[in-house]
């Protein structure tokens, strides 16, 4: 499985709704509330044959309450 992270900026007052929607969809491994430019940091795992761009576009960005995303692709865990 390939891990990657997505930082999510939510519409004002929608952070908990977005976090709950991600949890209900059962597509995220871990969901964290964060301070700063983004409201949530979410860890995903996908099959190596899955296109990460399509996954984020079709499974994450379509959730109500999301204003912006930033995808972070990782190379190696230490």
PDB file of N, CA and C in Angstrom:
ATOM      1  N   UNK A   1       0.839  -1.184   0.000  1.00  0.00           N
ATOM      2  CA  UNK A   1       0.000   0.000   0.000  1.00  0.00           C
ATOM      3  C   UNK A   1       0.884   1.246   0.000  1.00  0.00           C
ATOM      4  N   UNK A   2       0.403   2.279  -0.656  1.00  0.00           N
ATOM      5  CA  UNK A   2       1.132   3.539  -0.776  1.00  0.00           C
ATOM      6  C   UNK A   2       0.512   4.561   0.191  1.00  0.00           C
ATOM      7  N   UNK A   3       1.309   5.101   1.134  1.00  0.00           N
ATOM      8  CA  UNK A   3       0.760   6.133   2.022  1.00  0.00           C
ATOM      9  C   UNK A   3       0.935   7.524   1.423  1.00  0.00           C
ATOM     10  N   UNK A   4      -0.012   8.393   1.708  1.00  0.00           N
ATOM     11  CA  UNK A   4       0.125   9.814   1.381  1.00  0.00           C
ATOM     12  C   UNK A   4      -0.769  10.608   2.317  1.00  0.00           C
ATOM     13  N   UNK A   5      -0.511  11.897   2.377  1.00  0.00           N
ATOM     14  CA  UNK A   5      -1.247  12.773   3.283  1.00  0.00           C
ATOM     15  C   UNK A   5      -1.962  13.855   2.486  1.00  0.00           C
ATOM     16  N   UNK A   6      -3.090  14.314   3.010  1.00  0.00           N
ATOM     17  CA  UNK A   6      -3.793  15.444   2.420  1.00  0.00           C
ATOM     18  C   UNK A   6      -4.109  16.434   3.533  1.00  0.00           C
ATOM     19  N   UNK A   7      -3.659  17.672   3.343  1.00  0.00           N
ATOM     20  CA  UNK A   7      -4.051  18.748   4.233  1.00  0.00           C
ATOM     21  C   UNK A   7      -5.349  19.321   3.670  1.00  0.00           C
ATOM     22  N   UNK A   8      -6.312  19.548   4.534  1.00  0.00           N
ATOM     23  CA  UNK A   8      -7.627  20.009   4.090  1.00  0.00           C
ATOM     24  C   UNK A   8      -7.985  21.317   4.780  1.00  0.00           C
ATOM     25  N   UNK A   9      -8.336  22.314   3.966  1.00  0.00           N
ATOM     26  CA  UNK A   9      -8.892  23.566   4.478  1.00  0.00           C
ATOM     27  C   UNK A   9     -10.397  23.460   4.331  1.00  0.00           C
ATOM     28  N   UNK A  10     -11.103  23.642   5.432  1.00  0.00           N
ATOM     29  CA  UNK A  10     -12.562  23.507   5.435  1.00  0.00           C
ATOM     30  C   UNK A  10     -13.228  24.882   5.375  1.00  0.00           C
ATOM     31  N   UNK A  11     -14.464  24.886   4.926  1.00  0.00           N
ATOM     32  CA  UNK A  11     -15.263  26.098   5.032  1.00  0.00           C
ATOM     33  C   UNK A  11     -15.441  26.395   6.509  1.00  0.00           C
ATOM     34  N   UNK A  12     -15.615  27.660   6.840  1.00  0.00           N
ATOM     35  CA  UNK A  12     -15.733  28.049   8.239  1.00  0.00           C
ATOM     36  C   UNK A  12     -16.837  27.264   8.940  1.00  0.00           C
ATOM     37  N   UNK A  13     -16.492  26.697  10.089  1.00  0.00           N
ATOM     38  CA  UNK A  13     -17.443  25.957  10.896  1.00  0.00           C
ATOM     39  C   UNK A  13     -17.740  24.547  10.420  1.00  0.00           C
ATOM     40  N   UNK A  14     -16.993  24.041   9.450  1.00  0.00           N
ATOM     41  CA  UNK A  14     -17.286  22.732   8.873  1.00  0.00           C
ATOM     42  C   UNK A  14     -16.235  21.657   9.167  1.00  0.00           C
ATOM     43  N   UNK A  15     -15.230  21.964   9.965  1.00  0.00           N
ATOM     44  CA  UNK A  15     -14.131  21.012  10.199  1.00  0.00           C
ATOM     45  C   UNK A  15     -14.606  19.681  10.766  1.00  0.00           C
ATOM     46  N   UNK A  16     -15.471  19.745  11.767  1.00  0.00           N
ATOM     47  CA  UNK A  16     -15.934  18.498  12.384  1.00  0.00           C
ATOM     48  C   UNK A  16     -16.828  17.712  11.436  1.00  0.00           C
ATOM     49  N   UNK A  17     -17.628  18.403  10.636  1.00  0.00           N
ATOM     50  CA  UNK A  17     -18.477  17.716   9.655  1.00  0.00           C
ATOM     51  C   UNK A  17     -17.631  17.009   8.605  1.00  0.00           C
ATOM     52  N   UNK A  18     -16.571  17.670   8.141  1.00  0.00           N
ATOM     53  CA  UNK A  18     -15.681  17.062   7.147  1.00  0.00           C
ATOM     54  C   UNK A  18     -14.952  15.870   7.757  1.00  0.00           C
ATOM     55  N   UNK A  19     -14.445  16.021   8.979  1.00  0.00           N
ATOM     56  CA  UNK A  19     -13.741  14.916   9.642  1.00  0.00           C
ATOM     57  C   UNK A  19     -14.675  13.716   9.823  1.00  0.00           C
ATOM     58  N   UNK A  20     -15.904  13.974  10.229  1.00  0.00           N
ATOM     59  CA  UNK A  20     -16.873  12.887  10.388  1.00  0.00           C
ATOM     60  C   UNK A  20     -17.219  12.238   9.056  1.00  0.00           C
ATOM     61  N   UNK A  21     -17.335  13.025   7.996  1.00  0.00           N
ATOM     62  CA  UNK A  21     -17.628  12.471   6.669  1.00  0.00           C
ATOM     63  C   UNK A  21     -16.492  11.578   6.192  1.00  0.00           C
ATOM     64  N   UNK A  22     -15.253  11.994   6.449  1.00  0.00           N
ATOM     65  CA  UNK A  22     -14.096  11.163   6.090  1.00  0.00           C
ATOM     66  C   UNK A  22     -14.102   9.860   6.879  1.00  0.00           C
ATOM     67  N   UNK A  23     -14.396   9.955   8.162  1.00  0.00           N
ATOM     68  CA  UNK A  23     -14.442   8.748   8.995  1.00  0.00           C
ATOM     69  C   UNK A  23     -15.561   7.824   8.540  1.00  0.00           C
ATOM     70  N   UNK A  24     -16.722   8.378   8.234  1.00  0.00           N
ATOM     71  CA  UNK A  24     -17.864   7.571   7.791  1.00  0.00           C
ATOM     72  C   UNK A  24     -17.596   6.892   6.448  1.00  0.00           C
ATOM     73  N   UNK A  25     -16.835   7.560   5.580  1.00  0.00           N
ATOM     74  CA  UNK A  25     -16.519   7.004   4.259  1.00  0.00           C
ATOM     75  C   UNK A  25     -15.509   5.853   4.352  1.00  0.00           C
ATOM     76  N   UNK A  26     -14.825   5.746   5.495  1.00  0.00           N
ATOM     77  CA  UNK A  26     -13.833   4.698   5.727  1.00  0.00           C
ATOM     78  C   UNK A  26     -12.753   4.644   4.646  1.00  0.00           C
ATOM     79  N   UNK A  27     -12.289   5.820   4.225  1.00  0.00           N
ATOM     80  CA  UNK A  27     -11.225   5.886   3.219  1.00  0.00           C
ATOM     81  C   UNK A  27      -9.914   6.388   3.817  1.00  0.00           C
ATOM     82  N   UNK A  28      -9.966   6.925   5.033  1.00  0.00           N
ATOM     83  CA  UNK A  28      -8.782   7.504   5.670  1.00  0.00           C
ATOM     84  C   UNK A  28      -8.243   6.566   6.739  1.00  0.00           C
ATOM     85  N   UNK A  29      -6.933   6.539   6.872  1.00  0.00           N
ATOM     86  CA  UNK A  29      -6.285   5.756   7.913  1.00  0.00           C
ATOM     87  C   UNK A  29      -6.276   6.529   9.231  1.00  0.00           C
ATOM     88  N   UNK A  30      -5.943   7.828   9.153  1.00  0.00           N
ATOM     89  CA  UNK A  30      -5.863   8.678  10.334  1.00  0.00           C
ATOM     90  C   UNK A  30      -6.349  10.076   9.965  1.00  0.00           C
ATOM     91  N   UNK A  31      -7.036  10.735  10.897  1.00  0.00           N
ATOM     92  CA  UNK A  31      -7.562  12.083  10.680  1.00  0.00           C
ATOM     93  C   UNK A  31      -7.179  12.927  11.890  1.00  0.00           C
ATOM     94  N   UNK A  32      -6.472  14.036  11.646  1.00  0.00           N
ATOM     95  CA  UNK A  32      -6.034  14.913  12.720  1.00  0.00           C
ATOM     96  C   UNK A  32      -6.545  16.332  12.499  1.00  0.00           C
ATOM     97  N   UNK A  33      -6.948  16.987  13.569  1.00  0.00           N
ATOM     98  CA  UNK A  33      -7.250  18.409  13.543  1.00  0.00           C
ATOM     99  C   UNK A  33      -5.934  19.147  13.711  1.00  0.00           C
ATOM    100  N   UNK A  34      -5.722  20.214  12.930  1.00  0.00           N
ATOM    101  CA  UNK A  34      -4.457  20.946  12.991  1.00  0.00           C
ATOM    102  C   UNK A  34      -4.703  22.445  13.084  1.00  0.00           C
ATOM    103  N   UNK A  35      -3.691  23.156  13.520  1.00  0.00           N
ATOM    104  CA  UNK A  35      -3.715  24.616  13.545  1.00  0.00           C
ATOM    105  C   UNK A  35      -2.895  25.118  12.361  1.00  0.00           C
ATOM    106  N   UNK A  36      -3.177  26.318  11.917  1.00  0.00           N
ATOM    107  CA  UNK A  36      -2.416  26.896  10.818  1.00  0.00           C
ATOM    108  C   UNK A  36      -3.266  27.115   9.595  1.00  0.00           C
ATOM    109  N   UNK A  37      -2.660  27.003   8.425  1.00  0.00           N
ATOM    110  CA  UNK A  37      -3.350  27.284   7.165  1.00  0.00           C
ATOM    111  C   UNK A  37      -4.393  26.232   6.810  1.00  0.00           C
ATOM    112  N   UNK A  38      -4.242  25.018   7.313  1.00  0.00           N
ATOM    113  CA  UNK A  38      -5.186  23.946   7.023  1.00  0.00           C
ATOM    114  C   UNK A  38      -5.816  23.452   8.322  1.00  0.00           C
ATOM    115  N   UNK A  39      -7.016  22.910   8.223  1.00  0.00           N
ATOM    116  CA  UNK A  39      -7.775  22.485   9.402  1.00  0.00           C
ATOM    117  C   UNK A  39      -7.587  21.015   9.753  1.00  0.00           C
ATOM    118  N   UNK A  40      -7.344  20.182   8.741  1.00  0.00           N
ATOM    119  CA  UNK A  40      -7.212  18.741   8.955  1.00  0.00           C
ATOM    120  C   UNK A  40      -5.978  18.210   8.237  1.00  0.00           C
ATOM    121  N   UNK A  41      -5.363  17.194   8.818  1.00  0.00           N
ATOM    122  CA  UNK A  41      -4.301  16.432   8.177  1.00  0.00           C
ATOM    123  C   UNK A  41      -4.783  14.989   8.151  1.00  0.00           C
ATOM    124  N   UNK A  42      -4.868  14.434   6.953  1.00  0.00           N
ATOM    125  CA  UNK A  42      -5.453  13.103   6.802  1.00  0.00           C
ATOM    126  C   UNK A  42      -4.451  12.180   6.108  1.00  0.00           C
ATOM    127  N   UNK A  43      -4.280  10.980   6.671  1.00  0.00           N
ATOM    128  CA  UNK A  43      -3.385   9.979   6.091  1.00  0.00           C
ATOM    129  C   UNK A  43      -4.229   8.932   5.377  1.00  0.00           C
ATOM    130  N   UNK A  44      -3.838   8.655   4.141  1.00  0.00           N
ATOM    131  CA  UNK A  44      -4.519   7.654   3.330  1.00  0.00           C
ATOM    132  C   UNK A  44      -3.524   6.592   2.896  1.00  0.00           C
ATOM    133  N   UNK A  45      -4.029   5.395   2.618  1.00  0.00           N
ATOM    134  CA  UNK A  45      -3.263   4.337   1.970  1.00  0.00           C
ATOM    135  C   UNK A  45      -4.049   3.905   0.737  1.00  0.00           C
ATOM    136  N   UNK A  46      -3.351   3.769  -0.386  1.00  0.00           N
ATOM    137  CA  UNK A  46      -3.997   3.272  -1.600  1.00  0.00           C
ATOM    138  C   UNK A  46      -3.146   2.168  -2.209  1.00  0.00           C
ATOM    139  N   UNK A  47      -3.780   1.344  -2.995  1.00  0.00           N
ATOM    140  CA  UNK A  47      -3.100   0.301  -3.741  1.00  0.00           C
ATOM    141  C   UNK A  47      -2.101   0.951  -4.708  1.00  0.00           C
ATOM    142  N   UNK A  48      -0.960   0.322  -4.967  1.00  0.00           N
ATOM    143  CA  UNK A  48       0.026   0.911  -5.882  1.00  0.00           C
ATOM    144  C   UNK A  48      -0.508   1.210  -7.281  1.00  0.00           C
ATOM    145  N   UNK A  49      -1.575   0.559  -7.696  1.00  0.00           N
ATOM    146  CA  UNK A  49      -2.129   0.822  -9.025  1.00  0.00           C
ATOM    147  C   UNK A  49      -3.118   1.987  -9.037  1.00  0.00           C
ATOM    148  N   UNK A  50      -3.443   2.525  -7.854  1.00  0.00           N
ATOM    149  CA  UNK A  50      -4.400   3.629  -7.759  1.00  0.00           C
ATOM    150  C   UNK A  50      -3.724   4.950  -8.079  1.00  0.00           C
ATOM    151  N   UNK A  51      -4.364   5.756  -8.904  1.00  0.00           N
ATOM    152  CA  UNK A  51      -3.879   7.098  -9.225  1.00  0.00           C
ATOM    153  C   UNK A  51      -4.268   8.026  -8.069  1.00  0.00           C
ATOM    154  N   UNK A  52      -3.278   8.554  -7.367  1.00  0.00           N
ATOM    155  CA  UNK A  52      -3.532   9.383  -6.187  1.00  0.00           C
ATOM    156  C   UNK A  52      -4.313  10.642  -6.555  1.00  0.00           C
ATOM    157  N   UNK A  53      -3.994  11.256  -7.685  1.00  0.00           N
ATOM    158  CA  UNK A  53      -4.714  12.448  -8.123  1.00  0.00           C
ATOM    159  C   UNK A  53      -6.191  12.190  -8.314  1.00  0.00           C
ATOM    160  N   UNK A  54      -6.512  11.083  -8.984  1.00  0.00           N
ATOM    161  CA  UNK A  54      -7.913  10.725  -9.178  1.00  0.00           C
ATOM    162  C   UNK A  54      -8.585  10.398  -7.851  1.00  0.00           C
ATOM    163  N   UNK A  55      -7.883   9.700  -6.967  1.00  0.00           N
ATOM    164  CA  UNK A  55      -8.437   9.352  -5.659  1.00  0.00           C
ATOM    165  C   UNK A  55      -8.827  10.613  -4.889  1.00  0.00           C
ATOM    166  N   UNK A  56      -7.905  11.577  -4.813  1.00  0.00           N
ATOM    167  CA  UNK A  56      -8.184  12.818  -4.078  1.00  0.00           C
ATOM    168  C   UNK A  56      -9.336  13.574  -4.735  1.00  0.00           C
ATOM    169  N   UNK A  57      -9.311  13.650  -6.049  1.00  0.00           N
ATOM    170  CA  UNK A  57     -10.347  14.378  -6.787  1.00  0.00           C
ATOM    171  C   UNK A  57     -11.724  13.748  -6.630  1.00  0.00           C
ATOM    172  N   UNK A  58     -11.791  12.429  -6.690  1.00  0.00           N
ATOM    173  CA  UNK A  58     -13.081  11.733  -6.721  1.00  0.00           C
ATOM    174  C   UNK A  58     -13.601  11.299  -5.352  1.00  0.00           C
ATOM    175  N   UNK A  59     -12.711  11.125  -4.373  1.00  0.00           N
ATOM    176  CA  UNK A  59     -13.137  10.612  -3.067  1.00  0.00           C
ATOM    177  C   UNK A  59     -13.050  11.656  -1.947  1.00  0.00           C
ATOM    178  N   UNK A  60     -12.117  12.603  -2.067  1.00  0.00           N
ATOM    179  CA  UNK A  60     -11.898  13.559  -0.987  1.00  0.00           C
ATOM    180  C   UNK A  60     -12.511  14.924  -1.304  1.00  0.00           C
ATOM    181  N   UNK A  61     -12.110  15.512  -2.411  1.00  0.00           N
ATOM    182  CA  UNK A  61     -12.537  16.875  -2.729  1.00  0.00           C
ATOM    183  C   UNK A  61     -14.043  17.013  -2.953  1.00  0.00           C
ATOM    184  N   UNK A  62     -14.743  15.925  -3.170  1.00  0.00           N
ATOM    185  CA  UNK A  62     -16.191  15.972  -3.395  1.00  0.00           C
ATOM    186  C   UNK A  62     -16.989  16.061  -2.088  1.00  0.00           C
ATOM    187  N   UNK A  63     -16.338  15.877  -0.948  1.00  0.00           N
ATOM    188  CA  UNK A  63     -17.054  15.923   0.326  1.00  0.00           C
ATOM    189  C   UNK A  63     -17.492  17.354   0.634  1.00  0.00           C
ATOM    190  N   UNK A  64     -18.726  17.540   1.064  1.00  0.00           N
ATOM    191  CA  UNK A  64     -19.218  18.883   1.394  1.00  0.00           C
ATOM    192  C   UNK A  64     -18.408  19.515   2.519  1.00  0.00           C
ATOM    193  N   UNK A  65     -18.142  20.807   2.409  1.00  0.00           N
ATOM    194  CA  UNK A  65     -17.437  21.546   3.443  1.00  0.00           C
ATOM    195  C   UNK A  65     -15.957  21.719   3.198  1.00  0.00           C
ATOM    196  N   UNK A  66     -15.423  21.074   2.149  1.00  0.00           N
ATOM    197  CA  UNK A  66     -13.996  21.214   1.835  1.00  0.00           C
ATOM    198  C   UNK A  66     -13.805  22.409   0.908  1.00  0.00           C
ATOM    199  N   UNK A  67     -12.888  23.275   1.301  1.00  0.00           N
ATOM    200  CA  UNK A  67     -12.587  24.471   0.513  1.00  0.00           C
ATOM    201  C   UNK A  67     -11.332  24.293  -0.338  1.00  0.00           C
ATOM    202  N   UNK A  68     -10.318  23.613   0.214  1.00  0.00           N
ATOM    203  CA  UNK A  68      -9.040  23.473  -0.492  1.00  0.00           C
ATOM    204  C   UNK A  68      -8.313  22.250   0.048  1.00  0.00           C
ATOM    205  N   UNK A  69      -7.425  21.671  -0.776  1.00  0.00           N
ATOM    206  CA  UNK A  69      -6.608  20.550  -0.335  1.00  0.00           C
ATOM    207  C   UNK A  69      -5.173  20.735  -0.806  1.00  0.00           C
ATOM    208  N   UNK A  70      -4.268  20.100  -0.094  1.00  0.00           N
ATOM    209  CA  UNK A  70      -2.859  20.048  -0.482  1.00  0.00           C
ATOM    210  C   UNK A  70      -2.396  18.616  -0.250  1.00  0.00           C
ATOM    211  N   UNK A  71      -2.000  17.946  -1.316  1.00  0.00           N
ATOM    212  CA  UNK A  71      -1.578  16.547  -1.233  1.00  0.00           C
ATOM    213  C   UNK A  71      -0.074  16.466  -1.017  1.00  0.00           C
ATOM    214  N   UNK A  72       0.319  15.629  -0.078  1.00  0.00           N
ATOM    215  CA  UNK A  72       1.735  15.426   0.231  1.00  0.00           C
ATOM    216  C   UNK A  72       2.057  13.953  -0.004  1.00  0.00           C
ATOM    217  N   UNK A  73       2.909  13.693  -0.989  1.00  0.00           N
ATOM    218  CA  UNK A  73       3.317  12.336  -1.304  1.00  0.00           C
ATOM    219  C   UNK A  73       4.639  12.067  -0.600  1.00  0.00           C
ATOM    220  N   UNK A  74       4.725  10.941   0.074  1.00  0.00           N
ATOM    221  CA  UNK A  74       5.927  10.606   0.837  1.00  0.00           C
ATOM    222  C   UNK A  74       6.751   9.561   0.105  1.00  0.00           C
ATOM    223  N   UNK A  75       8.020   9.464   0.471  1.00  0.00           N
ATOM    224  CA  UNK A  75       8.918   8.519  -0.188  1.00  0.00           C
ATOM    225  C   UNK A  75       9.304   7.341   0.690  1.00  0.00           C
ATOM    226  N   UNK A  76       9.650   7.615   1.950  1.00  0.00           N
ATOM    227  CA  UNK A  76      10.143   6.546   2.815  1.00  0.00           C
ATOM    228  C   UNK A  76       9.826   6.877   4.264  1.00  0.00           C
ATOM    229  N   UNK A  77       9.417   5.866   5.021  1.00  0.00           N
ATOM    230  CA  UNK A  77       9.210   6.030   6.460  1.00  0.00           C
ATOM    231  C   UNK A  77      10.442   5.536   7.196  1.00  0.00           C
ATOM    232  N   UNK A  78      10.863   6.242   8.206  1.00  0.00           N
ATOM    233  CA  UNK A  78      12.045   5.852   8.975  1.00  0.00           C
ATOM    234  C   UNK A  78      11.656   5.418  10.365  1.00  0.00           C
TER     235      UNK A  78
END
